[in-house]
Amino acid sequence: MSTTQAPRKPSPGISSTFTLVKWQWRQHWLMLLFITLGMIASITLVCTIPLLSEVLQTASLRDTLSASPENGELSVQITSRELSNQTVQTFFPQINRAFQTYLKSNLAGPPQLEVITPNFTFLSP
């Protein structure tokens, strides 16, 4: 003899939870839509502003390098603890190599080496 079991009913806690969720969704779907759109817009702004800043800096450098070379000047500033001929001879070839590699088409002539020593005092005996 076979016995059939009655179909199980879902537990009242889960059923009532889904019913409450459905009621809340009907009442607040528009607010949730605006919150979602606002979050997407704010994330887009937060991610786009640094990218825009980088693009504008690159465009500014490009404009500077493509300007007329008569009045253009590009300089590199290096801070060193000691000033010696060896220090200058160490850094200048590295910088000159980078300029010749990446900026050769924008250079009007050979690079000039200038050493400026602000706040450097000489002591007399």
PDB file of N, CA and C in Angstrom:
ATOM      1  N   MET A   1       0.824  -1.154   0.000  1.00  0.00           N
ATOM      2  CA  MET A   1       0.000   0.000   0.000  1.00  0.00           C
ATOM      3  C   MET A   1       0.888   1.244   0.000  1.00  0.00           C
ATOM      4  N   SER A   2       0.590   2.150  -0.860  1.00  0.00           N
ATOM      5  CA  SER A   2       1.425   3.346  -0.992  1.00  0.00           C
ATOM      6  C   SER A   2       0.772   4.511  -0.271  1.00  0.00           C
ATOM      7  N   THR A   3       1.601   5.252   0.351  1.00  0.00           N
ATOM      8  CA  THR A   3       1.082   6.438   1.045  1.00  0.00           C
ATOM      9  C   THR A   3       1.592   7.674   0.318  1.00  0.00           C
ATOM     10  N   THR A   4       0.759   8.599   0.155  1.00  0.00           N
ATOM     11  CA  THR A   4       1.156   9.860  -0.487  1.00  0.00           C
ATOM     12  C   THR A   4       1.235  10.926   0.586  1.00  0.00           C
ATOM     13  N   GLN A   5       2.238  11.716   0.430  1.00  0.00           N
ATOM     14  CA  GLN A   5       2.403  12.787   1.403  1.00  0.00           C
ATOM     15  C   GLN A   5       1.818  14.075   0.830  1.00  0.00           C
ATOM     16  N   ALA A   6       1.317  14.849   1.715  1.00  0.00           N
ATOM     17  CA  ALA A   6       0.756  16.139   1.291  1.00  0.00           C
ATOM     18  C   ALA A   6       1.904  17.066   0.891  1.00  0.00           C
ATOM     19  N   PRO A   7       1.691  17.907  -0.125  1.00  0.00           N
ATOM     20  CA  PRO A   7       2.770  18.825  -0.528  1.00  0.00           C
ATOM     21  C   PRO A   7       3.119  19.775   0.613  1.00  0.00           C
ATOM     22  N   ARG A   8       4.385  20.052   0.712  1.00  0.00           N
ATOM     23  CA  ARG A   8       4.852  20.929   1.781  1.00  0.00           C
ATOM     24  C   ARG A   8       4.525  22.375   1.435  1.00  0.00           C
ATOM     25  N   LYS A   9       4.115  23.089   2.411  1.00  0.00           N
ATOM     26  CA  LYS A   9       3.880  24.514   2.250  1.00  0.00           C
ATOM     27  C   LYS A   9       5.157  25.242   2.665  1.00  0.00           C
ATOM     28  N   PRO A  10       5.465  26.348   1.966  1.00  0.00           N
ATOM     29  CA  PRO A  10       6.660  27.079   2.377  1.00  0.00           C
ATOM     30  C   PRO A  10       6.492  27.614   3.785  1.00  0.00           C
ATOM     31  N   SER A  11       7.605  27.741   4.454  1.00  0.00           N
ATOM     32  CA  SER A  11       7.520  28.218   5.827  1.00  0.00           C
ATOM     33  C   SER A  11       6.959  29.638   5.836  1.00  0.00           C
ATOM     34  N   PRO A  12       6.181  29.986   6.844  1.00  0.00           N
ATOM     35  CA  PRO A  12       5.539  31.292   6.853  1.00  0.00           C
ATOM     36  C   PRO A  12       6.538  32.436   6.932  1.00  0.00           C
ATOM     37  N   GLY A  13       7.739  32.235   7.478  1.00  0.00           N
ATOM     38  CA  GLY A  13       8.718  33.310   7.588  1.00  0.00           C
ATOM     39  C   GLY A  13       9.232  33.756   6.224  1.00  0.00           C
ATOM     40  N   ILE A  14       9.519  32.808   5.345  1.00  0.00           N
ATOM     41  CA  ILE A  14      10.053  33.142   4.025  1.00  0.00           C
ATOM     42  C   ILE A  14       8.966  33.765   3.166  1.00  0.00           C
ATOM     43  N   SER A  15       7.787  33.226   3.195  1.00  0.00           N
ATOM     44  CA  SER A  15       6.677  33.740   2.396  1.00  0.00           C
ATOM     45  C   SER A  15       6.335  35.175   2.797  1.00  0.00           C
ATOM     46  N   SER A  16       6.279  35.427   4.085  1.00  0.00           N
ATOM     47  CA  SER A  16       5.942  36.773   4.530  1.00  0.00           C
ATOM     48  C   SER A  16       7.070  37.759   4.212  1.00  0.00           C
ATOM     49  N   THR A  17       8.311  37.292   4.248  1.00  0.00           N
ATOM     50  CA  THR A  17       9.437  38.163   3.907  1.00  0.00           C
ATOM     51  C   THR A  17       9.357  38.588   2.450  1.00  0.00           C
ATOM     52  N   PHE A  18       9.100  37.651   1.558  1.00  0.00           N
ATOM     53  CA  PHE A  18       8.981  38.013   0.142  1.00  0.00           C
ATOM     54  C   PHE A  18       7.784  38.919  -0.105  1.00  0.00           C
ATOM     55  N   THR A  19       6.711  38.722   0.624  1.00  0.00           N
ATOM     56  CA  THR A  19       5.550  39.599   0.483  1.00  0.00           C
ATOM     57  C   THR A  19       5.893  41.018   0.913  1.00  0.00           C
ATOM     58  N   LEU A  20       6.611  41.160   2.025  1.00  0.00           N
ATOM     59  CA  LEU A  20       7.012  42.497   2.480  1.00  0.00           C
ATOM     60  C   LEU A  20       7.988  43.153   1.506  1.00  0.00           C
ATOM     61  N   VAL A  21       8.886  42.358   0.963  1.00  0.00           N
ATOM     62  CA  VAL A  21       9.833  42.899  -0.021  1.00  0.00           C
ATOM     63  C   VAL A  21       9.086  43.399  -1.242  1.00  0.00           C
ATOM     64  N   LYS A  22       8.112  42.644  -1.684  1.00  0.00           N
ATOM     65  CA  LYS A  22       7.328  43.042  -2.855  1.00  0.00           C
ATOM     66  C   LYS A  22       6.558  44.327  -2.584  1.00  0.00           C
ATOM     67  N   TRP A  23       5.991  44.505  -1.420  1.00  0.00           N
ATOM     68  CA  TRP A  23       5.262  45.730  -1.082  1.00  0.00           C
ATOM     69  C   TRP A  23       6.220  46.931  -1.040  1.00  0.00           C
ATOM     70  N   GLN A  24       7.373  46.722  -0.404  1.00  0.00           N
ATOM     71  CA  GLN A  24       8.334  47.824  -0.319  1.00  0.00           C
ATOM     72  C   GLN A  24       8.858  48.199  -1.714  1.00  0.00           C
ATOM     73  N   TRP A  25       9.077  47.210  -2.536  1.00  0.00           N
ATOM     74  CA  TRP A  25       9.557  47.474  -3.893  1.00  0.00           C
ATOM     75  C   TRP A  25       8.536  48.296  -4.671  1.00  0.00           C
ATOM     76  N   ARG A  26       7.259  47.981  -4.535  1.00  0.00           N
ATOM     77  CA  ARG A  26       6.211  48.741  -5.228  1.00  0.00           C
ATOM     78  C   ARG A  26       6.175  50.187  -4.771  1.00  0.00           C
ATOM     79  N   GLN A  27       6.442  50.416  -3.498  1.00  0.00           N
ATOM     80  CA  GLN A  27       6.352  51.771  -2.962  1.00  0.00           C
ATOM     81  C   GLN A  27       7.611  52.591  -3.244  1.00  0.00           C
ATOM     82  N   HIS A  28       8.759  51.952  -3.323  1.00  0.00           N
ATOM     83  CA  HIS A  28      10.019  52.706  -3.360  1.00  0.00           C
ATOM     84  C   HIS A  28      10.876  52.448  -4.592  1.00  0.00           C
ATOM     85  N   TRP A  29      10.331  51.917  -5.659  1.00  0.00           N
ATOM     86  CA  TRP A  29      11.144  51.588  -6.816  1.00  0.00           C
ATOM     87  C   TRP A  29      11.744  52.834  -7.466  1.00  0.00           C
ATOM     88  N   LEU A  30      11.002  53.933  -7.465  1.00  0.00           N
ATOM     89  CA  LEU A  30      11.504  55.151  -8.091  1.00  0.00           C
ATOM     90  C   LEU A  30      12.690  55.721  -7.292  1.00  0.00           C
ATOM     91  N   MET A  31      12.573  55.704  -5.972  1.00  0.00           N
ATOM     92  CA  MET A  31      13.670  56.185  -5.136  1.00  0.00           C
ATOM     93  C   MET A  31      14.914  55.307  -5.321  1.00  0.00           C
ATOM     94  N   LEU A  32      14.749  54.004  -5.373  1.00  0.00           N
ATOM     95  CA  LEU A  32      15.874  53.104  -5.582  1.00  0.00           C
ATOM     96  C   LEU A  32      16.506  53.311  -6.960  1.00  0.00           C
ATOM     97  N   LEU A  33      15.680  53.628  -7.951  1.00  0.00           N
ATOM     98  CA  LEU A  33      16.209  53.911  -9.279  1.00  0.00           C
ATOM     99  C   LEU A  33      17.087  55.163  -9.258  1.00  0.00           C
ATOM    100  N   PHE A  34      16.618  56.235  -8.591  1.00  0.00           N
ATOM    101  CA  PHE A  34      17.405  57.462  -8.510  1.00  0.00           C
ATOM    102  C   PHE A  34      18.684  57.261  -7.702  1.00  0.00           C
ATOM    103  N   ILE A  35      18.623  56.474  -6.661  1.00  0.00           N
ATOM    104  CA  ILE A  35      19.837  56.182  -5.874  1.00  0.00           C
ATOM    105  C   ILE A  35      20.851  55.435  -6.744  1.00  0.00           C
ATOM    106  N   THR A  36      20.384  54.476  -7.497  1.00  0.00           N
ATOM    107  CA  THR A  36      21.276  53.717  -8.375  1.00  0.00           C
ATOM    108  C   THR A  36      21.897  54.610  -9.432  1.00  0.00           C
ATOM    109  N   LEU A  37      21.081  55.450 -10.067  1.00  0.00           N
ATOM    110  CA  LEU A  37      21.610  56.368 -11.080  1.00  0.00           C
ATOM    111  C   LEU A  37      22.597  57.359 -10.467  1.00  0.00           C
ATOM    112  N   GLY A  38      22.308  57.836  -9.255  1.00  0.00           N
ATOM    113  CA  GLY A  38      23.219  58.751  -8.581  1.00  0.00           C
ATOM    114  C   GLY A  38      24.550  58.098  -8.259  1.00  0.00           C
ATOM    115  N   MET A  39      24.514  56.851  -7.828  1.00  0.00           N
ATOM    116  CA  MET A  39      25.755  56.135  -7.528  1.00  0.00           C
ATOM    117  C   MET A  39      26.575  55.911  -8.800  1.00  0.00           C
ATOM    118  N   ILE A  40      25.911  55.560  -9.888  1.00  0.00           N
ATOM    119  CA  ILE A  40      26.623  55.373 -11.155  1.00  0.00           C
ATOM    120  C   ILE A  40      27.237  56.689 -11.616  1.00  0.00           C
ATOM    121  N   ALA A  41      26.492  57.798 -11.495  1.00  0.00           N
ATOM    122  CA  ALA A  41      27.011  59.109 -11.903  1.00  0.00           C
ATOM    123  C   ALA A  41      28.194  59.520 -11.034  1.00  0.00           C
ATOM    124  N   SER A  42      28.120  59.301  -9.721  1.00  0.00           N
ATOM    125  CA  SER A  42      29.231  59.705  -8.847  1.00  0.00           C
ATOM    126  C   SER A  42      30.474  58.855  -9.101  1.00  0.00           C
ATOM    127  N   ILE A  43      30.322  57.580  -9.331  1.00  0.00           N
ATOM    128  CA  ILE A  43      31.473  56.729  -9.641  1.00  0.00           C
ATOM    129  C   ILE A  43      32.094  57.147 -10.971  1.00  0.00           C
ATOM    130  N   THR A  44      31.248  57.486 -11.947  1.00  0.00           N
ATOM    131  CA  THR A  44      31.756  57.952 -13.234  1.00  0.00           C
ATOM    132  C   THR A  44      32.554  59.232 -13.070  1.00  0.00           C
ATOM    133  N   LEU A  45      32.060  60.173 -12.279  1.00  0.00           N
ATOM    134  CA  LEU A  45      32.790  61.423 -12.056  1.00  0.00           C
ATOM    135  C   LEU A  45      34.110  61.183 -11.338  1.00  0.00           C
ATOM    136  N   VAL A  46      34.085  60.360 -10.318  1.00  0.00           N
ATOM    137  CA  VAL A  46      35.297  60.097  -9.547  1.00  0.00           C
ATOM    138  C   VAL A  46      36.363  59.433 -10.422  1.00  0.00           C
ATOM    139  N   CYS A  47      35.953  58.593 -11.352  1.00  0.00           N
ATOM    140  CA  CYS A  47      36.921  57.916 -12.218  1.00  0.00           C
ATOM    141  C   CYS A  47      37.328  58.774 -13.414  1.00  0.00           C
ATOM    142  N   THR A  48      36.477  59.690 -13.848  1.00  0.00           N
ATOM    143  CA  THR A  48      36.753  60.473 -15.045  1.00  0.00           C
ATOM    144  C   THR A  48      37.628  61.680 -14.768  1.00  0.00           C
ATOM    145  N   ILE A  49      37.499  62.330 -13.626  1.00  0.00           N
ATOM    146  CA  ILE A  49      38.237  63.566 -13.354  1.00  0.00           C
ATOM    147  C   ILE A  49      39.749  63.342 -13.359  1.00  0.00           C
ATOM    148  N   PRO A  50      40.308  62.311 -12.715  1.00  0.00           N
ATOM    149  CA  PRO A  50      41.761  62.110 -12.835  1.00  0.00           C
ATOM    150  C   PRO A  50      42.204  61.813 -14.269  1.00  0.00           C
ATOM    151  N   LEU A  51      41.387  61.089 -15.013  1.00  0.00           N
ATOM    152  CA  LEU A  51      41.723  60.795 -16.403  1.00  0.00           C
ATOM    153  C   LEU A  51      41.730  62.074 -17.228  1.00  0.00           C
ATOM    154  N   LEU A  52      40.749  62.934 -17.025  1.00  0.00           N
ATOM    155  CA  LEU A  52      40.679  64.214 -17.731  1.00  0.00           C
ATOM    156  C   LEU A  52      41.877  65.083 -17.366  1.00  0.00           C
ATOM    157  N   SER A  53      42.254  65.094 -16.113  1.00  0.00           N
ATOM    158  CA  SER A  53      43.415  65.865 -15.678  1.00  0.00           C
ATOM    159  C   SER A  53      44.676  65.372 -16.370  1.00  0.00           C
ATOM    160  N   GLU A  54      44.851  64.071 -16.465  1.00  0.00           N
ATOM    161  CA  GLU A  54      46.030  63.499 -17.135  1.00  0.00           C
ATOM    162  C   GLU A  54      46.048  63.861 -18.615  1.00  0.00           C
ATOM    163  N   VAL A  55      44.897  63.803 -19.258  1.00  0.00           N
ATOM    164  CA  VAL A  55      44.818  64.152 -20.683  1.00  0.00           C
ATOM    165  C   VAL A  55      45.142  65.626 -20.892  1.00  0.00           C
ATOM    166  N   LEU A  56      44.640  66.494 -20.031  1.00  0.00           N
ATOM    167  CA  LEU A  56      44.919  67.918 -20.171  1.00  0.00           C
ATOM    168  C   LEU A  56      46.391  68.231 -19.936  1.00  0.00           C
ATOM    169  N   GLN A  57      47.032  67.554 -18.997  1.00  0.00           N
ATOM    170  CA  GLN A  57      48.462  67.764 -18.782  1.00  0.00           C
ATOM    171  C   GLN A  57      49.263  67.308 -19.996  1.00  0.00           C
ATOM    172  N   THR A  58      48.881  66.182 -20.577  1.00  0.00           N
ATOM    173  CA  THR A  58      49.564  65.689 -21.767  1.00  0.00           C
ATOM    174  C   THR A  58      49.382  66.659 -22.927  1.00  0.00           C
ATOM    175  N   ALA A  59      48.171  67.182 -23.094  1.00  0.00           N
ATOM    176  CA  ALA A  59      47.912  68.148 -24.162  1.00  0.00           C
ATOM    177  C   ALA A  59      48.695  69.428 -23.939  1.00  0.00           C
ATOM    178  N   SER A  60      48.817  69.852 -22.697  1.00  0.00           N
ATOM    179  CA  SER A  60      49.582  71.056 -22.390  1.00  0.00           C
ATOM    180  C   SER A  60      51.059  70.855 -22.711  1.00  0.00           C
ATOM    181  N   LEU A  61      51.609  69.703 -22.376  1.00  0.00           N
ATOM    182  CA  LEU A  61      53.001  69.407 -22.700  1.00  0.00           C
ATOM    183  C   LEU A  61      53.189  69.355 -24.210  1.00  0.00           C
ATOM    184  N   ARG A  62      52.237  68.771 -24.919  1.00  0.00           N
ATOM    185  CA  ARG A  62      52.315  68.691 -26.381  1.00  0.00           C
ATOM    186  C   ARG A  62      52.299  70.087 -26.991  1.00  0.00           C
ATOM    187  N   ASP A  63      51.437  70.969 -26.469  1.00  0.00           N
ATOM    188  CA  ASP A  63      51.393  72.349 -26.960  1.00  0.00           C
ATOM    189  C   ASP A  63      52.700  73.072 -26.676  1.00  0.00           C
ATOM    190  N   THR A  64      53.253  72.831 -25.511  1.00  0.00           N
ATOM    191  CA  THR A  64      54.525  73.471 -25.152  1.00  0.00           C
ATOM    192  C   THR A  64      55.644  73.012 -26.076  1.00  0.00           C
ATOM    193  N   LEU A  65      55.682  71.720 -26.364  1.00  0.00           N
ATOM    194  CA  LEU A  65      56.754  71.195 -27.203  1.00  0.00           C
ATOM    195  C   LEU A  65      56.589  71.564 -28.670  1.00  0.00           C
ATOM    196  N   SER A  66      55.361  71.789 -29.122  1.00  0.00           N
ATOM    197  CA  SER A  66      55.151  72.145 -30.524  1.00  0.00           C
ATOM    198  C   SER A  66      55.152  73.652 -30.747  1.00  0.00           C
ATOM    199  N   ALA A  67      55.355  74.445 -29.717  1.00  0.00           N
ATOM    200  CA  ALA A  67      55.417  75.899 -29.867  1.00  0.00           C
ATOM    201  C   ALA A  67      56.702  76.279 -30.586  1.00  0.00           C
ATOM    202  N   SER A  68      56.762  77.527 -31.008  1.00  0.00           N
ATOM    203  CA  SER A  68      57.943  77.979 -31.750  1.00  0.00           C
ATOM    204  C   SER A  68      59.176  77.907 -30.855  1.00  0.00           C
ATOM    205  N   PRO A  69      60.297  77.417 -31.381  1.00  0.00           N
ATOM    206  CA  PRO A  69      61.479  77.218 -30.542  1.00  0.00           C
ATOM    207  C   PRO A  69      62.248  78.500 -30.224  1.00  0.00           C
ATOM    208  N   GLU A  70      61.892  79.628 -30.848  1.00  0.00           N
ATOM    209  CA  GLU A  70      62.627  80.853 -30.577  1.00  0.00           C
ATOM    210  C   GLU A  70      62.510  81.282 -29.122  1.00  0.00           C
ATOM    211  N   ASN A  71      61.332  81.152 -28.567  1.00  0.00           N
ATOM    212  CA  ASN A  71      61.104  81.608 -27.201  1.00  0.00           C
ATOM    213  C   ASN A  71      60.867  80.463 -26.228  1.00  0.00           C
ATOM    214  N   GLY A  72      60.987  79.248 -26.702  1.00  0.00           N
ATOM    215  CA  GLY A  72      60.698  78.106 -25.840  1.00  0.00           C
ATOM    216  C   GLY A  72      61.916  77.680 -25.046  1.00  0.00           C
ATOM    217  N   GLU A  73      61.653  77.198 -23.875  1.00  0.00           N
ATOM    218  CA  GLU A  73      62.735  76.725 -23.028  1.00  0.00           C
ATOM    219  C   GLU A  73      62.214  75.570 -22.204  1.00  0.00           C
ATOM    220  N   LEU A  74      62.974  74.536 -22.137  1.00  0.00           N
ATOM    221  CA  LEU A  74      62.613  73.365 -21.347  1.00  0.00           C
ATOM    222  C   LEU A  74      63.766  73.118 -20.390  1.00  0.00           C
ATOM    223  N   SER A  75      63.444  73.023 -19.121  1.00  0.00           N
ATOM    224  CA  SER A  75      64.517  72.879 -18.142  1.00  0.00           C
ATOM    225  C   SER A  75      64.246  71.694 -17.228  1.00  0.00           C
ATOM    226  N   VAL A  76      65.317  71.170 -16.675  1.00  0.00           N
ATOM    227  CA  VAL A  76      65.247  70.071 -15.719  1.00  0.00           C
ATOM    228  C   VAL A  76      65.919  70.549 -14.447  1.00  0.00           C
ATOM    229  N   GLN A  77      65.267  70.317 -13.336  1.00  0.00           N
ATOM    230  CA  GLN A  77      65.821  70.741 -12.055  1.00  0.00           C
ATOM    231  C   GLN A  77      66.163  69.504 -11.237  1.00  0.00           C
ATOM    232  N   ILE A  78      67.381  69.461 -10.754  1.00  0.00           N
ATOM    233  CA  ILE A  78      67.846  68.341  -9.940  1.00  0.00           C
ATOM    234  C   ILE A  78      68.354  68.901  -8.624  1.00  0.00           C
ATOM    235  N   THR A  79      67.965  68.282  -7.545  1.00  0.00           N
ATOM    236  CA  THR A  79      68.442  68.686  -6.230  1.00  0.00           C
ATOM    237  C   THR A  79      69.485  67.675  -5.772  1.00  0.00           C
ATOM    238  N   SER A  80      70.635  68.191  -5.384  1.00  0.00           N
ATOM    239  CA  SER A  80      71.720  67.330  -4.949  1.00  0.00           C
ATOM    240  C   SER A  80      72.265  67.864  -3.637  1.00  0.00           C
ATOM    241  N   ARG A  81      72.734  66.967  -2.817  1.00  0.00           N
ATOM    242  CA  ARG A  81      73.280  67.390  -1.527  1.00  0.00           C
ATOM    243  C   ARG A  81      74.659  68.022  -1.678  1.00  0.00           C
ATOM    244  N   GLU A  82      75.379  67.623  -2.677  1.00  0.00           N
ATOM    245  CA  GLU A  82      76.722  68.168  -2.845  1.00  0.00           C
ATOM    246  C   GLU A  82      76.894  68.624  -4.281  1.00  0.00           C
ATOM    247  N   LEU A  83      77.617  69.693  -4.466  1.00  0.00           N
ATOM    248  CA  LEU A  83      77.881  70.227  -5.790  1.00  0.00           C
ATOM    249  C   LEU A  83      79.336  69.938  -6.133  1.00  0.00           C
ATOM    250  N   SER A  84      79.495  69.131  -7.156  1.00  0.00           N
ATOM    251  CA  SER A  84      80.843  68.823  -7.606  1.00  0.00           C
ATOM    252  C   SER A  84      80.790  68.572  -9.101  1.00  0.00           C
ATOM    253  N   ASN A  85      81.942  68.592  -9.722  1.00  0.00           N
ATOM    254  CA  ASN A  85      82.026  68.321 -11.144  1.00  0.00           C
ATOM    255  C   ASN A  85      81.582  66.890 -11.438  1.00  0.00           C
ATOM    256  N   GLN A  86      81.874  65.985 -10.533  1.00  0.00           N
ATOM    257  CA  GLN A  86      81.479  64.586 -10.717  1.00  0.00           C
ATOM    258  C   GLN A  86      79.952  64.450 -10.695  1.00  0.00           C
ATOM    259  N   THR A  87      79.277  65.183  -9.822  1.00  0.00           N
ATOM    260  CA  THR A  87      77.812  65.135  -9.767  1.00  0.00           C
ATOM    261  C   THR A  87      77.213  65.625 -11.070  1.00  0.00           C
ATOM    262  N   VAL A  88      77.716  66.731 -11.573  1.00  0.00           N
ATOM    263  CA  VAL A  88      77.215  67.277 -12.839  1.00  0.00           C
ATOM    264  C   VAL A  88      77.490  66.303 -13.975  1.00  0.00           C
ATOM    265  N   GLN A  89      78.677  65.726 -14.023  1.00  0.00           N
ATOM    266  CA  GLN A  89      79.025  64.799 -15.088  1.00  0.00           C
ATOM    267  C   GLN A  89      78.246  63.487 -14.990  1.00  0.00           C
ATOM    268  N   THR A  90      77.721  63.187 -13.822  1.00  0.00           N
ATOM    269  CA  THR A  90      76.911  61.979 -13.655  1.00  0.00           C
ATOM    270  C   THR A  90      75.499  62.180 -14.186  1.00  0.00           C
ATOM    271  N   PHE A  91      74.885  63.318 -13.848  1.00  0.00           N
ATOM    272  CA  PHE A  91      73.484  63.538 -14.203  1.00  0.00           C
ATOM    273  C   PHE A  91      73.293  64.053 -15.625  1.00  0.00           C
ATOM    274  N   PHE A  92      74.171  64.900 -16.116  1.00  0.00           N
ATOM    275  CA  PHE A  92      73.959  65.531 -17.420  1.00  0.00           C
ATOM    276  C   PHE A  92      73.867  64.523 -18.562  1.00  0.00           C
ATOM    277  N   PRO A  93      74.744  63.528 -18.681  1.00  0.00           N
ATOM    278  CA  PRO A  93      74.598  62.568 -19.789  1.00  0.00           C
ATOM    279  C   PRO A  93      73.287  61.778 -19.741  1.00  0.00           C
ATOM    280  N   GLN A  94      72.825  61.447 -18.553  1.00  0.00           N
ATOM    281  CA  GLN A  94      71.556  60.714 -18.442  1.00  0.00           C
ATOM    282  C   GLN A  94      70.399  61.566 -18.937  1.00  0.00           C
ATOM    283  N   ILE A  95      70.377  62.821 -18.519  1.00  0.00           N
ATOM    284  CA  ILE A  95      69.296  63.718 -18.935  1.00  0.00           C
ATOM    285  C   ILE A  95      69.410  64.007 -20.419  1.00  0.00           C
ATOM    286  N   ASN A  96      70.628  64.244 -20.903  1.00  0.00           N
ATOM    287  CA  ASN A  96      70.826  64.532 -22.320  1.00  0.00           C
ATOM    288  C   ASN A  96      70.378  63.356 -23.180  1.00  0.00           C
ATOM    289  N   ARG A  97      70.678  62.123 -22.734  1.00  0.00           N
ATOM    290  CA  ARG A  97      70.268  60.932 -23.470  1.00  0.00           C
ATOM    291  C   ARG A  97      68.742  60.842 -23.548  1.00  0.00           C
ATOM    292  N   ALA A  98      68.059  61.141 -22.441  1.00  0.00           N
ATOM    293  CA  ALA A  98      66.590  61.094 -22.440  1.00  0.00           C
ATOM    294  C   ALA A  98      66.017  62.168 -23.366  1.00  0.00           C
ATOM    295  N   PHE A  99      66.595  63.362 -23.347  1.00  0.00           N
ATOM    296  CA  PHE A  99      66.127  64.427 -24.231  1.00  0.00           C
ATOM    297  C   PHE A  99      66.345  64.048 -25.691  1.00  0.00           C
ATOM    298  N   GLN A 100      67.505  63.510 -25.998  1.00  0.00           N
ATOM    299  CA  GLN A 100      67.800  63.150 -27.386  1.00  0.00           C
ATOM    300  C   GLN A 100      66.931  61.983 -27.857  1.00  0.00           C
ATOM    301  N   THR A 101      66.589  61.082 -26.956  1.00  0.00           N
ATOM    302  CA  THR A 101      65.771  59.930 -27.332  1.00  0.00           C
ATOM    303  C   THR A 101      64.317  60.313 -27.569  1.00  0.00           C
ATOM    304  N   TYR A 102      63.738  61.066 -26.636  1.00  0.00           N
ATOM    305  CA  TYR A 102      62.302  61.310 -26.683  1.00  0.00           C
ATOM    306  C   TYR A 102      61.909  62.660 -27.267  1.00  0.00           C
ATOM    307  N   LEU A 103      62.790  63.634 -27.239  1.00  0.00           N
ATOM    308  CA  LEU A 103      62.413  64.988 -27.644  1.00  0.00           C
ATOM    309  C   LEU A 103      63.270  65.547 -28.768  1.00  0.00           C
ATOM    310  N   LYS A 104      64.009  64.719 -29.471  1.00  0.00           N
ATOM    311  CA  LYS A 104      64.951  65.201 -30.471  1.00  0.00           C
ATOM    312  C   LYS A 104      64.267  66.032 -31.552  1.00  0.00           C
ATOM    313  N   SER A 105      63.079  65.635 -31.978  1.00  0.00           N
ATOM    314  CA  SER A 105      62.390  66.389 -33.035  1.00  0.00           C
ATOM    315  C   SER A 105      61.931  67.760 -32.550  1.00  0.00           C
ATOM    316  N   ASN A 106      61.832  67.958 -31.263  1.00  0.00           N
ATOM    317  CA  ASN A 106      61.376  69.237 -30.725  1.00  0.00           C
ATOM    318  C   ASN A 106      62.519  70.135 -30.263  1.00  0.00           C
ATOM    319  N   LEU A 107      63.744  69.646 -30.306  1.00  0.00           N
ATOM    320  CA  LEU A 107      64.880  70.439 -29.845  1.00  0.00           C
ATOM    321  C   LEU A 107      65.423  71.266 -31.003  1.00  0.00           C
ATOM    322  N   ALA A 108      65.679  72.554 -30.739  1.00  0.00           N
ATOM    323  CA  ALA A 108      66.179  73.447 -31.775  1.00  0.00           C
ATOM    324  C   ALA A 108      67.699  73.386 -31.881  1.00  0.00           C
ATOM    325  N   GLY A 109      68.358  73.014 -30.842  1.00  0.00           N
ATOM    326  CA  GLY A 109      69.815  72.990 -30.869  1.00  0.00           C
ATOM    327  C   GLY A 109      70.336  72.054 -29.806  1.00  0.00           C
ATOM    328  N   PRO A 110      71.645  72.093 -29.592  1.00  0.00           N
ATOM    329  CA  PRO A 110      72.202  71.221 -28.562  1.00  0.00           C
ATOM    330  C   PRO A 110      71.787  71.707 -27.170  1.00  0.00           C
ATOM    331  N   PRO A 111      71.719  70.821 -26.221  1.00  0.00           N
ATOM    332  CA  PRO A 111      71.321  71.230 -24.870  1.00  0.00           C
ATOM    333  C   PRO A 111      72.396  72.091 -24.221  1.00  0.00           C
ATOM    334  N   GLN A 112      71.953  72.972 -23.361  1.00  0.00           N
ATOM    335  CA  GLN A 112      72.863  73.834 -22.628  1.00  0.00           C
ATOM    336  C   GLN A 112      72.851  73.415 -21.169  1.00  0.00           C
ATOM    337  N   LEU A 113      74.015  73.405 -20.590  1.00  0.00           N
ATOM    338  CA  LEU A 113      74.143  73.033 -19.188  1.00  0.00           C
ATOM    339  C   LEU A 113      74.333  74.302 -18.372  1.00  0.00           C
ATOM    340  N   GLU A 114      73.426  74.513 -17.444  1.00  0.00           N
ATOM    341  CA  GLU A 114      73.530  75.642 -16.523  1.00  0.00           C
ATOM    342  C   GLU A 114      73.422  75.093 -15.112  1.00  0.00           C
ATOM    343  N   VAL A 115      74.288  75.550 -14.248  1.00  0.00           N
ATOM    344  CA  VAL A 115      74.262  75.130 -12.849  1.00  0.00           C
ATOM    345  C   VAL A 115      73.917  76.356 -12.024  1.00  0.00           C
ATOM    346  N   ILE A 116      72.823  76.284 -11.301  1.00  0.00           N
ATOM    347  CA  ILE A 116      72.366  77.382 -10.455  1.00  0.00           C
ATOM    348  C   ILE A 116      72.421  76.894  -9.017  1.00  0.00           C
ATOM    349  N   THR A 117      72.987  77.697  -8.154  1.00  0.00           N
ATOM    350  CA  THR A 117      73.128  77.304  -6.757  1.00  0.00           C
ATOM    351  C   THR A 117      72.450  78.341  -5.871  1.00  0.00           C
ATOM    352  N   PRO A 118      71.154  78.218  -5.650  1.00  0.00           N
ATOM    353  CA  PRO A 118      70.492  79.174  -4.761  1.00  0.00           C
ATOM    354  C   PRO A 118      70.850  78.897  -3.309  1.00  0.00           C
ATOM    355  N   ASN A 119      70.889  79.939  -2.540  1.00  0.00           N
ATOM    356  CA  ASN A 119      71.180  79.843  -1.106  1.00  0.00           C
ATOM    357  C   ASN A 119      72.506  79.134  -0.829  1.00  0.00           C
ATOM    358  N   PHE A 120      73.455  79.321  -1.701  1.00  0.00           N
ATOM    359  CA  PHE A 120      74.764  78.696  -1.536  1.00  0.00           C
ATOM    360  C   PHE A 120      75.741  79.813  -1.160  1.00  0.00           C
ATOM    361  N   THR A 121      76.266  79.758   0.024  1.00  0.00           N
ATOM    362  CA  THR A 121      77.154  80.812   0.484  1.00  0.00           C
ATOM    363  C   THR A 121      78.586  80.311   0.517  1.00  0.00           C
ATOM    364  N   PHE A 122      79.492  81.203   0.224  1.00  0.00           N
ATOM    365  CA  PHE A 122      80.918  80.883   0.288  1.00  0.00           C
ATOM    366  C   PHE A 122      81.475  81.446   1.579  1.00  0.00           C
ATOM    367  N   LEU A 123      82.257  80.668   2.227  1.00  0.00           N
ATOM    368  CA  LEU A 123      82.902  81.126   3.458  1.00  0.00           C
ATOM    369  C   LEU A 123      84.321  81.561   3.124  1.00  0.00           C
ATOM    370  N   SER A 124      84.673  82.721   3.554  1.00  0.00           N
ATOM    371  CA  SER A 124      86.036  83.175   3.323  1.00  0.00           C
ATOM    372  C   SER A 124      86.861  82.921   4.574  1.00  0.00           C
ATOM    373  N   PRO A 125      88.152  82.619   4.378  1.00  0.00           N
ATOM    374  CA  PRO A 125      88.986  82.300   5.544  1.00  0.00           C
ATOM    375  C   PRO A 125      89.305  83.506   6.396  1.00  0.00           C
TER     376      PRO A 125
END
